[in-house]
C-alpha atoms as a PDB file:
ATOM      1  CA  MET A   1       0.279   0.193  -0.511  1.00  0.00           C
ATOM      2  CA  PRO A   2       1.185   2.666  -0.994  1.00  0.00           C
ATOM      3  CA  LYS A   3       2.162   5.081   1.772  1.00  0.00           C
ATOM      4  CA  ARG A   4       0.663   8.425   3.000  1.00  0.00           C
ATOM      5  CA  VAL A   5       1.464  11.422   2.792  1.00  0.00           C
ATOM      6  CA  ASP A   6       0.985  14.393   5.096  1.00  0.00           C
ATOM      7  CA  HIS A   7       0.725  17.500   2.210  1.00  0.00           C
ATOM      8  CA  GLU A   8       0.118  20.366   5.389  1.00  0.00           C
ATOM      9  CA  GLN A   9       3.525  18.528   7.529  1.00  0.00           C
ATOM     10  CA  ARG A  10       5.370  18.636   4.900  1.00  0.00           C
ATOM     11  CA  ARG A  11       4.738  22.736   3.645  1.00  0.00           C
ATOM     12  CA  ASN A  12       5.411  23.137   7.523  1.00  0.00           C
ATOM     13  CA  ALA A  13       8.205  21.077   7.640  1.00  0.00           C
ATOM     14  CA  ILE A  14       9.860  23.504   4.329  1.00  0.00           C
ATOM     15  CA  ILE A  15       8.000  26.600   6.250  1.00  0.00           C
ATOM     16  CA  ASP A  16      10.089  26.049   9.928  1.00  0.00           C
ATOM     17  CA  ALA A  17      13.283  25.404   7.392  1.00  0.00           C
ATOM     18  CA  LEU A  18      12.783  29.391   5.738  1.00  0.00           C
ATOM     19  CA  TRP A  19      12.023  30.174   9.834  1.00  0.00           C
ATOM     20  CA  ARG A  20      15.307  28.947  10.900  1.00  0.00           C
ATOM     21  CA  ILE A  21      16.970  30.077   7.849  1.00  0.00           C
ATOM     22  CA  ALA A  22      15.869  33.958   9.144  1.00  0.00           C
ATOM     23  CA  GLY A  23      15.540  33.993  12.234  1.00  0.00           C
ATOM     24  CA  THR A  24      19.780  33.591  12.448  1.00  0.00           C
ATOM     25  CA  SER A  25      20.383  35.443   9.029  1.00  0.00           C
ATOM     26  CA  GLY A  26      17.596  37.383   7.592  1.00  0.00           C
ATOM     27  CA  LEU A  27      15.658  36.936   4.260  1.00  0.00           C
ATOM     28  CA  GLU A  28      18.071  39.112   2.083  1.00  0.00           C
ATOM     29  CA  GLY A  29      19.533  36.952  -0.729  1.00  0.00           C
ATOM     30  CA  LEU A  30      17.223  33.874   0.745  1.00  0.00           C
ATOM     31  CA  SER A  31      16.970  30.910  -2.018  1.00  0.00           C
ATOM     32  CA  LEU A  32      14.417  28.169  -2.896  1.00  0.00           C
ATOM     33  CA  SER A  33      17.807  25.920  -2.877  1.00  0.00           C
ATOM     34  CA  GLN A  34      18.638  27.946  -0.057  1.00  0.00           C
ATOM     35  CA  ILE A  35      15.338  27.131   1.799  1.00  0.00           C
ATOM     36  CA  ALA A  36      15.661  23.705   0.690  1.00  0.00           C
ATOM     37  CA  THR A  37      19.705  22.407   1.763  1.00  0.00           C
ATOM     38  CA  GLU A  38      17.542  23.554   5.645  1.00  0.00           C
ATOM     39  CA  ALA A  39      15.122  21.626   4.973  1.00  0.00           C
ATOM     40  CA  GLY A  40      16.511  17.744   3.655  1.00  0.00           C
ATOM     41  CA  VAL A  41      14.593  17.858   0.620  1.00  0.00           C
ATOM     42  CA  SER A  42      14.880  18.943  -2.860  1.00  0.00           C
ATOM     43  CA  LYS A  43      14.517  22.115  -4.559  1.00  0.00           C
ATOM     44  CA  GLY A  44      11.578  20.272  -6.590  1.00  0.00           C
ATOM     45  CA  LEU A  45       9.962  19.322  -3.759  1.00  0.00           C
ATOM     46  CA  VAL A  46       9.682  22.836  -2.570  1.00  0.00           C
ATOM     47  CA  GLN A  47       8.388  23.691  -5.964  1.00  0.00           C
ATOM     48  CA  HIS A  48       6.253  21.450  -5.499  1.00  0.00           C
ATOM     49  CA  TYR A  49       4.390  23.017  -2.393  1.00  0.00           C
ATOM     50  CA  PHE A  50       5.033  26.767  -2.988  1.00  0.00           C
ATOM     51  CA  ARG A  51       5.346  28.237  -6.597  1.00  0.00           C
ATOM     52  CA  SER A  52       7.311  31.007  -5.949  1.00  0.00           C
ATOM     53  CA  LYS A  53       9.463  32.216  -3.174  1.00  0.00           C
ATOM     54  CA  ASP A  54       6.682  34.723  -2.349  1.00  0.00           C
ATOM     55  CA  GLU A  55       3.653  32.272  -1.824  1.00  0.00           C
ATOM     56  CA  MET A  56       6.555  31.080   0.868  1.00  0.00           C
ATOM     57  CA  LEU A  57       6.939  34.059   2.337  1.00  0.00           C
ATOM     58  CA  ALA A  58       3.397  34.797   2.993  1.00  0.00           C
ATOM     59  CA  HIS A  59       2.393  31.354   4.058  1.00  0.00           C
ATOM     60  CA  ALA A  60       5.047  32.059   6.563  1.00  0.00           C
ATOM     61  CA  THR A  61       3.687  35.293   7.399  1.00  0.00           C
ATOM     62  CA  GLY A  62       0.438  33.179   7.749  1.00  0.00           C
ATOM     63  CA  ARG A  63       1.887  30.528  10.090  1.00  0.00           C
ATOM     64  CA  LEU A  64       3.117  33.333  11.786  1.00  0.00           C
ATOM     65  CA  ARG A  65       0.099  35.260  12.746  1.00  0.00           C
ATOM     66  CA  GLU A  66      -1.060  31.297  13.935  1.00  0.00           C
ATOM     67  CA  ARG A  67       1.533  30.876  16.125  1.00  0.00           C
ATOM     68  CA  VAL A  68       1.470  34.728  17.891  1.00  0.00           C
ATOM     69  CA  GLY A  69      -2.404  34.153  18.596  1.00  0.00           C
ATOM     70  CA  GLU A  70      -1.266  30.358  19.788  1.00  0.00           C
ATOM     71  CA  ARG A  71       1.310  32.209  22.412  1.00  0.00           C
ATOM     72  CA  ILE A  72      -1.548  34.689  23.673  1.00  0.00           C
ATOM     73  CA  ALA A  73      -4.277  32.139  24.118  1.00  0.00           C
ATOM     74  CA  HIS A  74      -2.611  29.301  25.610  1.00  0.00           C
ATOM     75  CA  GLY A  75      -1.684  32.381  28.189  1.00  0.00           C
ATOM     76  CA  LEU A  76      -5.422  33.608  28.900  1.00  0.00           C
ATOM     77  CA  ALA A  77      -5.955  30.176  28.910  1.00  0.00           C
ATOM     78  CA  GLY A  78      -3.651  30.117  32.080  1.00  0.00           C
ATOM     79  CA  LEU A  79      -5.024  32.826  34.464  1.00  0.00           C
ATOM     80  CA  PRO A  80      -8.326  31.923  36.760  1.00  0.00           C
ATOM     81  CA  ALA A  81     -12.303  31.465  34.934  1.00  0.00           C
ATOM     82  CA  ALA A  82     -12.768  34.342  37.344  1.00  0.00           C
ATOM     83  CA  ARG A  83     -10.241  36.499  35.766  1.00  0.00           C
ATOM     84  CA  THR A  84     -10.483  40.074  35.470  1.00  0.00           C
ATOM     85  CA  SER A  85     -10.224  42.368  32.054  1.00  0.00           C
ATOM     86  CA  ARG A  86      -6.760  43.880  33.282  1.00  0.00           C
ATOM     87  CA  ALA A  87      -5.419  40.217  33.547  1.00  0.00           C
ATOM     88  CA  ALA A  88      -6.508  39.685  30.316  1.00  0.00           C
ATOM     89  CA  LEU A  89      -4.990  42.421  29.406  1.00  0.00           C
ATOM     90  CA  ARG A  90      -1.837  41.918  31.236  1.00  0.00           C
ATOM     91  CA  ALA A  91      -1.406  38.100  30.221  1.00  0.00           C
ATOM     92  CA  PHE A  92      -2.235  39.072  26.458  1.00  0.00           C
ATOM     93  CA  LEU A  93       0.684  41.761  26.667  1.00  0.00           C
ATOM     94  CA  ALA A  94       2.970  39.462  28.509  1.00  0.00           C
ATOM     95  CA  ALA A  95       2.440  36.776  25.892  1.00  0.00           C
ATOM     96  CA  LEU A  96       3.618  39.049  23.073  1.00  0.00           C
ATOM     97  CA  LEU A  97       7.297  38.846  24.958  1.00  0.00           C
ATOM     98  CA  PRO A  98      10.051  36.654  23.554  1.00  0.00           C
ATOM     99  CA  THR A  99      10.706  35.199  26.733  1.00  0.00           C
ATOM    100  CA  ASP A 100      11.477  31.508  25.511  1.00  0.00           C
ATOM    101  CA  ASP A 101      13.536  29.666  22.940  1.00  0.00           C
ATOM    102  CA  ASP A 102       9.817  29.564  20.555  1.00  0.00           C
ATOM    103  CA  SER A 103       8.990  33.723  21.071  1.00  0.00           C
ATOM    104  CA  ARG A 104      11.901  34.480  20.488  1.00  0.00           C
ATOM    105  CA  THR A 105      12.398  32.598  16.883  1.00  0.00           C
ATOM    106  CA  GLU A 106       9.206  34.078  16.746  1.00  0.00           C
ATOM    107  CA  SER A 107      10.258  37.534  17.459  1.00  0.00           C
ATOM    108  CA  LEU A 108      13.356  37.404  14.938  1.00  0.00           C
ATOM    109  CA  VAL A 109      11.168  36.023  12.161  1.00  0.00           C
ATOM    110  CA  ALA A 110       9.255  39.032  12.821  1.00  0.00           C
ATOM    111  CA  ASN A 111      11.600  41.040  12.758  1.00  0.00           C
ATOM    112  CA  ALA A 112      13.347  39.394   9.557  1.00  0.00           C
ATOM    113  CA  PHE A 113      10.036  40.058   7.566  1.00  0.00           C
ATOM    114  CA  LEU A 114       9.776  43.245   8.804  1.00  0.00           C
ATOM    115  CA  ILE A 115      12.936  44.412   7.326  1.00  0.00           C
ATOM    116  CA  ARG A 116      11.415  42.718   4.220  1.00  0.00           C
ATOM    117  CA  ALA A 117       7.779  44.559   4.313  1.00  0.00           C
ATOM    118  CA  LEU A 118       9.851  47.748   3.996  1.00  0.00           C
ATOM    119  CA  LYS A 119      10.671  46.593   0.147  1.00  0.00           C
ATOM    120  CA  ASP A 120       7.490  44.245  -0.299  1.00  0.00           C
ATOM    121  CA  PRO A 121       3.940  45.912  -0.723  1.00  0.00           C
ATOM    122  CA  ALA A 122       2.186  42.792  -0.271  1.00  0.00           C
ATOM    123  CA  ILE A 123       4.153  41.323   3.272  1.00  0.00           C
ATOM    124  CA  ALA A 124       3.488  45.065   4.484  1.00  0.00           C
ATOM    125  CA  ASP A 125       0.033  44.931   3.766  1.00  0.00           C
ATOM    126  CA  ARG A 126       0.316  41.392   5.409  1.00  0.00           C
ATOM    127  CA  PHE A 127       2.168  42.890   8.433  1.00  0.00           C
ATOM    128  CA  ARG A 128      -0.588  46.070   9.051  1.00  0.00           C
ATOM    129  CA  ASP A 129      -3.924  42.971   8.715  1.00  0.00           C
ATOM    130  CA  GLY A 130      -1.752  41.786  11.034  1.00  0.00           C
ATOM    131  CA  ASN A 131      -0.375  44.859  13.770  1.00  0.00           C
ATOM    132  CA  THR A 132      -4.357  46.291  13.192  1.00  0.00           C
ATOM    133  CA  GLN A 133      -5.904  43.222  13.942  1.00  0.00           C
ATOM    134  CA  LEU A 134      -3.480  42.832  17.790  1.00  0.00           C
ATOM    135  CA  ARG A 135      -4.857  46.831  18.441  1.00  0.00           C
ATOM    136  CA  HIS A 136      -8.649  45.828  17.977  1.00  0.00           C
ATOM    137  CA  ALA A 137      -7.696  43.258  20.467  1.00  0.00           C
ATOM    138  CA  VAL A 138      -6.122  45.078  23.320  1.00  0.00           C
ATOM    139  CA  VAL A 139      -8.495  47.983  22.632  1.00  0.00           C
ATOM    140  CA  GLY A 140     -11.146  45.559  23.319  1.00  0.00           C
ATOM    141  CA  LEU A 141      -9.760  44.541  26.224  1.00  0.00           C
ATOM    142  CA  VAL A 142      -8.652  48.381  27.520  1.00  0.00           C
ATOM    143  CA  SER A 143     -12.518  49.074  26.924  1.00  0.00           C
ATOM    144  CA  ALA A 144     -13.622  46.123  29.351  1.00  0.00           C
ATOM    145  CA  ALA A 145     -11.120  46.668  32.087  1.00  0.00           C
ATOM    146  CA  GLN A 146     -12.425  50.286  31.954  1.00  0.00           C
ATOM    147  CA  ALA A 147     -16.170  48.963  32.026  1.00  0.00           C
ATOM    148  CA  GLU A 148     -14.930  46.827  34.436  1.00  0.00           C
ATOM    149  CA  GLY A 149     -13.401  49.294  36.775  1.00  0.00           C
ATOM    150  CA  ASP A 150     -10.019  48.253  36.608  1.00  0.00           C
ATOM    151  CA  LEU A 151      -8.923  51.128  34.577  1.00  0.00           C
ATOM    152  CA  PRO A 152     -10.408  54.590  34.753  1.00  0.00           C
ATOM    153  CA  ALA A 153     -12.955  55.854  32.580  1.00  0.00           C
ATOM    154  CA  ASP A 154     -11.655  58.910  31.699  1.00  0.00           C
ATOM    155  CA  LEU A 155      -8.202  56.496  29.498  1.00  0.00           C
ATOM    156  CA  ASP A 156      -8.888  57.149  25.356  1.00  0.00           C
ATOM    157  CA  PRO A 157      -8.377  53.315  25.670  1.00  0.00           C
ATOM    158  CA  ALA A 158      -6.946  54.376  21.838  1.00  0.00           C
ATOM    159  CA  ARG A 159      -3.991  56.025  22.515  1.00  0.00           C
ATOM    160  CA  GLU A 160      -3.524  53.536  25.578  1.00  0.00           C
ATOM    161  CA  THR A 161      -2.953  51.062  23.416  1.00  0.00           C
ATOM    162  CA  ASP A 162      -0.064  52.448  21.114  1.00  0.00           C
ATOM    163  CA  ILE A 163       1.818  53.681  24.518  1.00  0.00           C
ATOM    164  CA  LEU A 164       0.956  49.920  25.174  1.00  0.00           C
ATOM    165  CA  LEU A 165       2.058  48.127  22.036  1.00  0.00           C
ATOM    166  CA  ALA A 166       5.200  50.200  22.127  1.00  0.00           C
ATOM    167  CA  LEU A 167       6.051  50.176  25.072  1.00  0.00           C
ATOM    168  CA  VAL A 168       6.380  45.933  24.615  1.00  0.00           C
ATOM    169  CA  ALA A 169       7.858  46.332  21.108  1.00  0.00           C
ATOM    170  CA  GLY A 170      10.641  48.166  23.407  1.00  0.00           C
ATOM    171  CA  LEU A 171      10.482  45.343  25.926  1.00  0.00           C
ATOM    172  CA  GLY A 172      10.675  42.589  23.266  1.00  0.00           C
ATOM    173  CA  ASP A 173      14.236  44.048  21.763  1.00  0.00           C
ATOM    174  CA  ALA A 174      15.452  44.510  24.772  1.00  0.00           C
ATOM    175  CA  LEU A 175      14.821  40.421  25.783  1.00  0.00           C
ATOM    176  CA  LEU A 176      16.665  40.012  22.404  1.00  0.00           C
ATOM    177  CA  LEU A 177      19.455  41.948  22.778  1.00  0.00           C
ATOM    178  CA  GLY A 178      20.222  40.820  26.733  1.00  0.00           C
ATOM    179  CA  GLN A 179      19.099  44.162  28.404  1.00  0.00           C
ATOM    180  CA  HIS A 180      16.342  42.699  29.849  1.00  0.00           C
ATOM    181  CA  THR A 181      15.673  39.898  31.531  1.00  0.00           C
ATOM    182  CA  GLU A 182      11.392  37.647  31.053  1.00  0.00           C
ATOM    183  CA  THR A 183      11.223  39.298  35.417  1.00  0.00           C
ATOM    184  CA  SER A 184      12.025  42.673  34.860  1.00  0.00           C
ATOM    185  CA  ALA A 185      10.316  43.305  31.672  1.00  0.00           C
ATOM    186  CA  LEU A 186       7.087  42.264  33.222  1.00  0.00           C
ATOM    187  CA  ALA A 187       8.292  44.455  36.203  1.00  0.00           C
ATOM    188  CA  VAL A 188       7.644  47.398  33.548  1.00  0.00           C
ATOM    189  CA  LEU A 189       4.632  46.029  31.973  1.00  0.00           C
ATOM    190  CA  ASP A 190       3.510  45.930  35.702  1.00  0.00           C
ATOM    191  CA  HIS A 191       4.626  48.962  36.296  1.00  0.00           C
ATOM    192  CA  GLN A 192       3.005  50.609  33.435  1.00  0.00           C
ATOM    193  CA  LEU A 193      -0.069  48.878  33.790  1.00  0.00           C
ATOM    194  CA  ASP A 194       0.093  50.150  37.765  1.00  0.00           C
ATOM    195  CA  ARG A 195       0.666  53.680  36.848  1.00  0.00           C
ATOM    196  CA  LEU A 196      -3.195  53.346  34.914  1.00  0.00           C
ATOM    197  CA  ALA A 197      -4.874  52.044  37.564  1.00  0.00           C
ATOM    198  CA  PRO A 198      -7.768  54.202  39.067  1.00  0.00           C
ATOM    199  CA  GLY A 199      -6.784  56.313  42.598  1.00  0.00           C
END
């Protein structure tokens, strides 16, 4: 009986190879041959699953978005059932920080794609879409925390979201560079959330 091939698993293995290269060397000069070698498959097999490098990069950014979403969902799932919206906001933002090997790799890959997006309008559009979804989610959490009385009602949720996401982005870079530890980065995040609290 012929062996059944899991095509999604093969696609993901190729994307994982792309991620390993992007996380260490970036995306400039990346070739299908390089990806095939890293994945341990033929260039022809890579081209069977992805007709072009652009198609592969689009798939890779989609996977990146999925992985970040899974990390956020995992962080929220770790909260007690009676969680407050402020606790959910904190867990959501903390999940965006590169605090372990997987999230560090994701952050490095995201940075490589960001550099590519400066010259690639299609990837730039995907980044903007992802950032817009992320921003809407945080605005919703800030608004919910205001409704529960955990954050002052007179805060502008959109402005506070921009500040919080900028803070998390800066902390993420500092974590990658070793200027912060997970503990110190979370302490800065908590300090900012405490400053927003009423009273």
